[in-house]
């Protein structure tokens, strides 16, 4: 079944591990991992290596710091499941790229459209950045606001939303009968 699954949570909450487990359940073969991270230091390179070692056989990897929607569409033609990890680093890459920072809204729109057009299930991982204090500098506040809006738009389009808390997956969407209690929202 083709669906979009959104896995969100705080840092070190178990998001990536749970997303990998979901992908493994969907398909034993033809899995594509789309990595948005651009490692700039030794610590981040070690994290990337650790994540690579956690993936079992049957995974193809695409390193895509900017063109995530395009990578989802392209890879969905040859994969049984796609796991994109993570939206937080993707937004960071867009925000810090002078050629892309003015087009973030367009990139997010393309991302949500790519779910509809993808030919296989898509799992996306993101950080919940809005639960902390208000950042002290402008760029950090801008990032938090863009990330919050991105997470809302992705969650609105996703078939399933899973919130990771201390390694425990909590299903946020769908909830039986729950949607009928909410006011209708239109997030573009």
C-alpha atoms as a PDB file:
ATOM      1  CA  UNK A   1       0.000   0.000   0.000  1.00  0.00           C
ATOM      2  CA  UNK A   2       1.367   3.406  -0.992  1.00  0.00           C
ATOM      3  CA  UNK A   3       1.349   5.802   1.942  1.00  0.00           C
ATOM      4  CA  UNK A   4       3.312   8.645   3.472  1.00  0.00           C
ATOM      5  CA  UNK A   5       4.524   8.127   7.033  1.00  0.00           C
ATOM      6  CA  UNK A   6       5.905  11.071   9.028  1.00  0.00           C
ATOM      7  CA  UNK A   7       8.092  10.245  12.045  1.00  0.00           C
ATOM      8  CA  UNK A   8       8.749  13.260  14.272  1.00  0.00           C
ATOM      9  CA  UNK A   9      10.315  13.758  17.683  1.00  0.00           C
ATOM     10  CA  UNK A  10      13.050  15.400  19.689  1.00  0.00           C
ATOM     11  CA  UNK A  11      16.769  14.780  19.340  1.00  0.00           C
ATOM     12  CA  UNK A  12      17.816  11.223  20.220  1.00  0.00           C
ATOM     13  CA  UNK A  13      14.167  10.148  20.600  1.00  0.00           C
ATOM     14  CA  UNK A  14      14.514   7.064  18.386  1.00  0.00           C
ATOM     15  CA  UNK A  15      13.074   8.611  15.200  1.00  0.00           C
ATOM     16  CA  UNK A  16      15.615   7.219  12.762  1.00  0.00           C
ATOM     17  CA  UNK A  17      15.664   3.740  14.301  1.00  0.00           C
ATOM     18  CA  UNK A  18      11.876   3.520  14.241  1.00  0.00           C
ATOM     19  CA  UNK A  19      11.710   4.793  10.657  1.00  0.00           C
ATOM     20  CA  UNK A  20      14.253   2.132   9.622  1.00  0.00           C
ATOM     21  CA  UNK A  21      12.181  -0.534  11.348  1.00  0.00           C
ATOM     22  CA  UNK A  22       9.047   0.634   9.513  1.00  0.00           C
ATOM     23  CA  UNK A  23      10.855   0.563   6.169  1.00  0.00           C
ATOM     24  CA  UNK A  24      12.203  -2.936   6.850  1.00  0.00           C
ATOM     25  CA  UNK A  25       8.646  -4.112   7.570  1.00  0.00           C
ATOM     26  CA  UNK A  26       7.406  -2.635   4.286  1.00  0.00           C
ATOM     27  CA  UNK A  27      10.072  -4.248   2.119  1.00  0.00           C
ATOM     28  CA  UNK A  28      13.031  -6.583   2.452  1.00  0.00           C
ATOM     29  CA  UNK A  29      14.539  -5.369  -0.821  1.00  0.00           C
ATOM     30  CA  UNK A  30      14.666  -2.263  -3.005  1.00  0.00           C
ATOM     31  CA  UNK A  31      14.792   0.224  -0.146  1.00  0.00           C
ATOM     32  CA  UNK A  32      16.182   3.699  -0.765  1.00  0.00           C
ATOM     33  CA  UNK A  33      17.603   5.882   1.984  1.00  0.00           C
ATOM     34  CA  UNK A  34      17.705   9.575   1.078  1.00  0.00           C
ATOM     35  CA  UNK A  35      20.249  11.322   3.295  1.00  0.00           C
ATOM     36  CA  UNK A  36      19.974  15.109   3.546  1.00  0.00           C
ATOM     37  CA  UNK A  37      22.979  15.545   5.852  1.00  0.00           C
ATOM     38  CA  UNK A  38      26.132  17.275   4.676  1.00  0.00           C
ATOM     39  CA  UNK A  39      28.693  16.314   7.352  1.00  0.00           C
ATOM     40  CA  UNK A  40      30.972  19.278   8.055  1.00  0.00           C
ATOM     41  CA  UNK A  41      32.917  17.932  11.055  1.00  0.00           C
ATOM     42  CA  UNK A  42      34.281  14.687  12.490  1.00  0.00           C
ATOM     43  CA  UNK A  43      31.446  14.219  14.991  1.00  0.00           C
ATOM     44  CA  UNK A  44      28.801  14.478  12.264  1.00  0.00           C
ATOM     45  CA  UNK A  45      30.791  12.129  10.008  1.00  0.00           C
ATOM     46  CA  UNK A  46      30.813   9.591  12.879  1.00  0.00           C
ATOM     47  CA  UNK A  47      27.022   9.927  13.237  1.00  0.00           C
ATOM     48  CA  UNK A  48      26.576   9.360   9.499  1.00  0.00           C
ATOM     49  CA  UNK A  49      28.801   6.265   9.634  1.00  0.00           C
ATOM     50  CA  UNK A  50      26.819   4.904  12.614  1.00  0.00           C
ATOM     51  CA  UNK A  51      23.520   5.423  10.764  1.00  0.00           C
ATOM     52  CA  UNK A  52      24.946   3.694   7.673  1.00  0.00           C
ATOM     53  CA  UNK A  53      25.977   0.702   9.787  1.00  0.00           C
ATOM     54  CA  UNK A  54      22.451   0.438  11.243  1.00  0.00           C
ATOM     55  CA  UNK A  55      21.019  -0.180   7.785  1.00  0.00           C
ATOM     56  CA  UNK A  56      20.868  -3.816   6.736  1.00  0.00           C
ATOM     57  CA  UNK A  57      21.462  -5.069   3.203  1.00  0.00           C
ATOM     58  CA  UNK A  58      19.044  -4.136   0.461  1.00  0.00           C
ATOM     59  CA  UNK A  59      19.448  -0.371   0.919  1.00  0.00           C
ATOM     60  CA  UNK A  60      20.482   2.039  -1.810  1.00  0.00           C
ATOM     61  CA  UNK A  61      21.610   5.461  -0.575  1.00  0.00           C
ATOM     62  CA  UNK A  62      21.108   8.823  -2.262  1.00  0.00           C
ATOM     63  CA  UNK A  63      22.809  11.857  -0.721  1.00  0.00           C
ATOM     64  CA  UNK A  64      20.513  14.773  -1.472  1.00  0.00           C
ATOM     65  CA  UNK A  65      21.083  17.991   0.479  1.00  0.00           C
ATOM     66  CA  UNK A  66      18.779  20.256  -1.600  1.00  0.00           C
ATOM     67  CA  UNK A  67      16.616  18.519  -4.229  1.00  0.00           C
ATOM     68  CA  UNK A  68      14.629  16.239  -1.905  1.00  0.00           C
ATOM     69  CA  UNK A  69      11.263  16.335  -3.757  1.00  0.00           C
ATOM     70  CA  UNK A  70      12.968  15.467  -7.026  1.00  0.00           C
ATOM     71  CA  UNK A  71      14.911  12.630  -5.362  1.00  0.00           C
ATOM     72  CA  UNK A  72      11.714  11.166  -3.894  1.00  0.00           C
ATOM     73  CA  UNK A  73      10.034  11.109  -7.303  1.00  0.00           C
ATOM     74  CA  UNK A  74      13.069   9.736  -9.137  1.00  0.00           C
ATOM     75  CA  UNK A  75      13.805   7.011  -6.580  1.00  0.00           C
ATOM     76  CA  UNK A  76      10.161   5.973  -6.164  1.00  0.00           C
ATOM     77  CA  UNK A  77      10.253   4.476  -9.662  1.00  0.00           C
ATOM     78  CA  UNK A  78      12.876   1.921  -8.637  1.00  0.00           C
ATOM     79  CA  UNK A  79      12.256   1.412  -4.897  1.00  0.00           C
ATOM     80  CA  UNK A  80       9.654  -0.445  -2.849  1.00  0.00           C
ATOM     81  CA  UNK A  81      10.036   2.101  -0.016  1.00  0.00           C
ATOM     82  CA  UNK A  82      11.859   5.411   0.494  1.00  0.00           C
ATOM     83  CA  UNK A  83      13.150   6.721   3.816  1.00  0.00           C
ATOM     84  CA  UNK A  84      14.194  10.404   3.846  1.00  0.00           C
ATOM     85  CA  UNK A  85      16.197  11.389   6.929  1.00  0.00           C
ATOM     86  CA  UNK A  86      15.842  14.191   7.827  1.00  0.00           C
ATOM     87  CA  UNK A  87      13.720  17.222   6.992  1.00  0.00           C
ATOM     88  CA  UNK A  88      15.451  19.279   9.680  1.00  0.00           C
ATOM     89  CA  UNK A  89      18.818  19.077   7.939  1.00  0.00           C
ATOM     90  CA  UNK A  90      17.155  19.609   4.557  1.00  0.00           C
ATOM     91  CA  UNK A  91      15.599  22.876   5.763  1.00  0.00           C
ATOM     92  CA  UNK A  92      18.963  23.868   7.275  1.00  0.00           C
ATOM     93  CA  UNK A  93      20.655  23.260   3.911  1.00  0.00           C
ATOM     94  CA  UNK A  94      18.037  25.369   2.120  1.00  0.00           C
ATOM     95  CA  UNK A  95      18.199  28.172   4.675  1.00  0.00           C
ATOM     96  CA  UNK A  96      21.995  28.408   4.494  1.00  0.00           C
ATOM     97  CA  UNK A  97      22.182  28.282   0.685  1.00  0.00           C
ATOM     98  CA  UNK A  98      21.896  31.849  -0.675  1.00  0.00           C
ATOM     99  CA  UNK A  99      20.444  30.555  -3.959  1.00  0.00           C
ATOM    100  CA  UNK A 100      17.749  28.481  -2.226  1.00  0.00           C
ATOM    101  CA  UNK A 101      16.801  30.365   0.955  1.00  0.00           C
ATOM    102  CA  UNK A 102      14.335  32.627  -0.871  1.00  0.00           C
ATOM    103  CA  UNK A 103      12.634  29.566  -2.410  1.00  0.00           C
ATOM    104  CA  UNK A 104      12.004  27.500   0.737  1.00  0.00           C
ATOM    105  CA  UNK A 105       8.224  27.743   0.455  1.00  0.00           C
ATOM    106  CA  UNK A 106       8.389  26.462  -3.134  1.00  0.00           C
ATOM    107  CA  UNK A 107      10.631  23.552  -2.055  1.00  0.00           C
ATOM    108  CA  UNK A 108       8.148  22.606   0.697  1.00  0.00           C
ATOM    109  CA  UNK A 109       5.239  22.774  -1.756  1.00  0.00           C
ATOM    110  CA  UNK A 110       7.144  20.487  -4.147  1.00  0.00           C
ATOM    111  CA  UNK A 111       7.893  18.129  -1.258  1.00  0.00           C
ATOM    112  CA  UNK A 112       4.244  17.693  -0.292  1.00  0.00           C
ATOM    113  CA  UNK A 113       3.292  17.230  -3.962  1.00  0.00           C
ATOM    114  CA  UNK A 114       5.972  14.539  -4.310  1.00  0.00           C
ATOM    115  CA  UNK A 115       4.100  12.352  -1.784  1.00  0.00           C
ATOM    116  CA  UNK A 116       1.063  12.259  -4.076  1.00  0.00           C
ATOM    117  CA  UNK A 117       3.137  11.392  -7.137  1.00  0.00           C
ATOM    118  CA  UNK A 118       5.524   8.902  -5.515  1.00  0.00           C
ATOM    119  CA  UNK A 119       5.099   5.335  -6.734  1.00  0.00           C
ATOM    120  CA  UNK A 120       5.977   3.699  -3.404  1.00  0.00           C
ATOM    121  CA  UNK A 121       5.584   4.355   0.331  1.00  0.00           C
ATOM    122  CA  UNK A 122       7.596   7.327   1.636  1.00  0.00           C
ATOM    123  CA  UNK A 123       8.791   7.650   5.237  1.00  0.00           C
ATOM    124  CA  UNK A 124      10.064  11.048   6.383  1.00  0.00           C
ATOM    125  CA  UNK A 125      11.927  11.878   9.589  1.00  0.00           C
ATOM    126  CA  UNK A 126      11.965  15.307  11.239  1.00  0.00           C
ATOM    127  CA  UNK A 127      12.806  16.976  14.529  1.00  0.00           C
ATOM    128  CA  UNK A 128      10.202  18.693  16.662  1.00  0.00           C
ATOM    129  CA  UNK A 129      11.973  21.994  17.303  1.00  0.00           C
ATOM    130  CA  UNK A 130       9.119  24.019  18.779  1.00  0.00           C
ATOM    131  CA  UNK A 131       9.027  22.546  22.273  1.00  0.00           C
ATOM    132  CA  UNK A 132      12.040  24.449  23.603  1.00  0.00           C
ATOM    133  CA  UNK A 133      12.753  28.021  24.529  1.00  0.00           C
ATOM    134  CA  UNK A 134      12.586  30.942  22.100  1.00  0.00           C
ATOM    135  CA  UNK A 135      16.030  31.131  20.445  1.00  0.00           C
ATOM    136  CA  UNK A 136      18.073  34.242  21.152  1.00  0.00           C
ATOM    137  CA  UNK A 137      19.152  35.052  17.589  1.00  0.00           C
ATOM    138  CA  UNK A 138      17.199  35.896  14.456  1.00  0.00           C
ATOM    139  CA  UNK A 139      18.464  33.025  12.260  1.00  0.00           C
ATOM    140  CA  UNK A 140      17.594  30.441  14.919  1.00  0.00           C
ATOM    141  CA  UNK A 141      14.096  31.903  15.353  1.00  0.00           C
ATOM    142  CA  UNK A 142      13.606  31.944  11.577  1.00  0.00           C
ATOM    143  CA  UNK A 143      14.748  28.311  11.382  1.00  0.00           C
ATOM    144  CA  UNK A 144      12.387  27.274  14.204  1.00  0.00           C
ATOM    145  CA  UNK A 145       9.452  29.035  12.526  1.00  0.00           C
ATOM    146  CA  UNK A 146      10.169  27.529   9.086  1.00  0.00           C
ATOM    147  CA  UNK A 147      10.693  24.077  10.599  1.00  0.00           C
ATOM    148  CA  UNK A 148       7.434  24.303  12.551  1.00  0.00           C
ATOM    149  CA  UNK A 149       5.514  25.309   9.421  1.00  0.00           C
ATOM    150  CA  UNK A 150       7.213  22.547   7.402  1.00  0.00           C
ATOM    151  CA  UNK A 151       6.319  19.912   9.990  1.00  0.00           C
ATOM    152  CA  UNK A 152       2.691  21.093   9.995  1.00  0.00           C
ATOM    153  CA  UNK A 153       2.457  20.933   6.205  1.00  0.00           C
ATOM    154  CA  UNK A 154       4.047  17.483   6.023  1.00  0.00           C
ATOM    155  CA  UNK A 155       1.856  16.160   8.860  1.00  0.00           C
ATOM    156  CA  UNK A 156      -1.265  17.498   7.132  1.00  0.00           C
ATOM    157  CA  UNK A 157      -0.376  15.564   3.951  1.00  0.00           C
ATOM    158  CA  UNK A 158       0.884  12.389   5.624  1.00  0.00           C
ATOM    159  CA  UNK A 159      -1.303   9.319   5.982  1.00  0.00           C
ATOM    160  CA  UNK A 160       0.344   8.472   9.309  1.00  0.00           C
ATOM    161  CA  UNK A 161       2.162  10.652  11.835  1.00  0.00           C
ATOM    162  CA  UNK A 162       4.200   9.033  14.585  1.00  0.00           C
ATOM    163  CA  UNK A 163       5.640  11.056  17.448  1.00  0.00           C
ATOM    164  CA  UNK A 164       8.679   9.464  19.084  1.00  0.00           C
ATOM    165  CA  UNK A 165       9.026   9.991  22.834  1.00  0.00           C
ATOM    166  CA  UNK A 166      11.930   8.319  24.677  1.00  0.00           C
ATOM    167  CA  UNK A 167      12.072   5.576  22.053  1.00  0.00           C
ATOM    168  CA  UNK A 168       8.328   4.917  22.193  1.00  0.00           C
ATOM    169  CA  UNK A 169       6.240   5.519  19.047  1.00  0.00           C
ATOM    170  CA  UNK A 170       3.008   7.402  19.722  1.00  0.00           C
ATOM    171  CA  UNK A 171       0.536   7.460  16.824  1.00  0.00           C
ATOM    172  CA  UNK A 172      -0.768  10.984  16.280  1.00  0.00           C
ATOM    173  CA  UNK A 173      -2.524  10.355  12.972  1.00  0.00           C
ATOM    174  CA  UNK A 174      -4.808   8.641  12.119  1.00  0.00           C
ATOM    175  CA  UNK A 175      -6.982   8.404  15.195  1.00  0.00           C
ATOM    176  CA  UNK A 176     -10.342   6.674  14.815  1.00  0.00           C
ATOM    177  CA  UNK A 177     -13.107   9.282  14.943  1.00  0.00           C
ATOM    178  CA  UNK A 178     -10.643  11.930  16.073  1.00  0.00           C
ATOM    179  CA  UNK A 179     -10.606  13.896  12.805  1.00  0.00           C
ATOM    180  CA  UNK A 180     -14.341  14.579  13.020  1.00  0.00           C
ATOM    181  CA  UNK A 181     -13.746  16.542  16.243  1.00  0.00           C
ATOM    182  CA  UNK A 182     -11.212  18.896  14.698  1.00  0.00           C
ATOM    183  CA  UNK A 183     -12.046  22.090  12.825  1.00  0.00           C
ATOM    184  CA  UNK A 184     -11.238  21.829   9.134  1.00  0.00           C
ATOM    185  CA  UNK A 185      -7.776  23.221   8.411  1.00  0.00           C
ATOM    186  CA  UNK A 186      -6.303  24.205   5.109  1.00  0.00           C
ATOM    187  CA  UNK A 187      -2.519  24.319   5.220  1.00  0.00           C
ATOM    188  CA  UNK A 188      -0.886  25.247   1.950  1.00  0.00           C
END
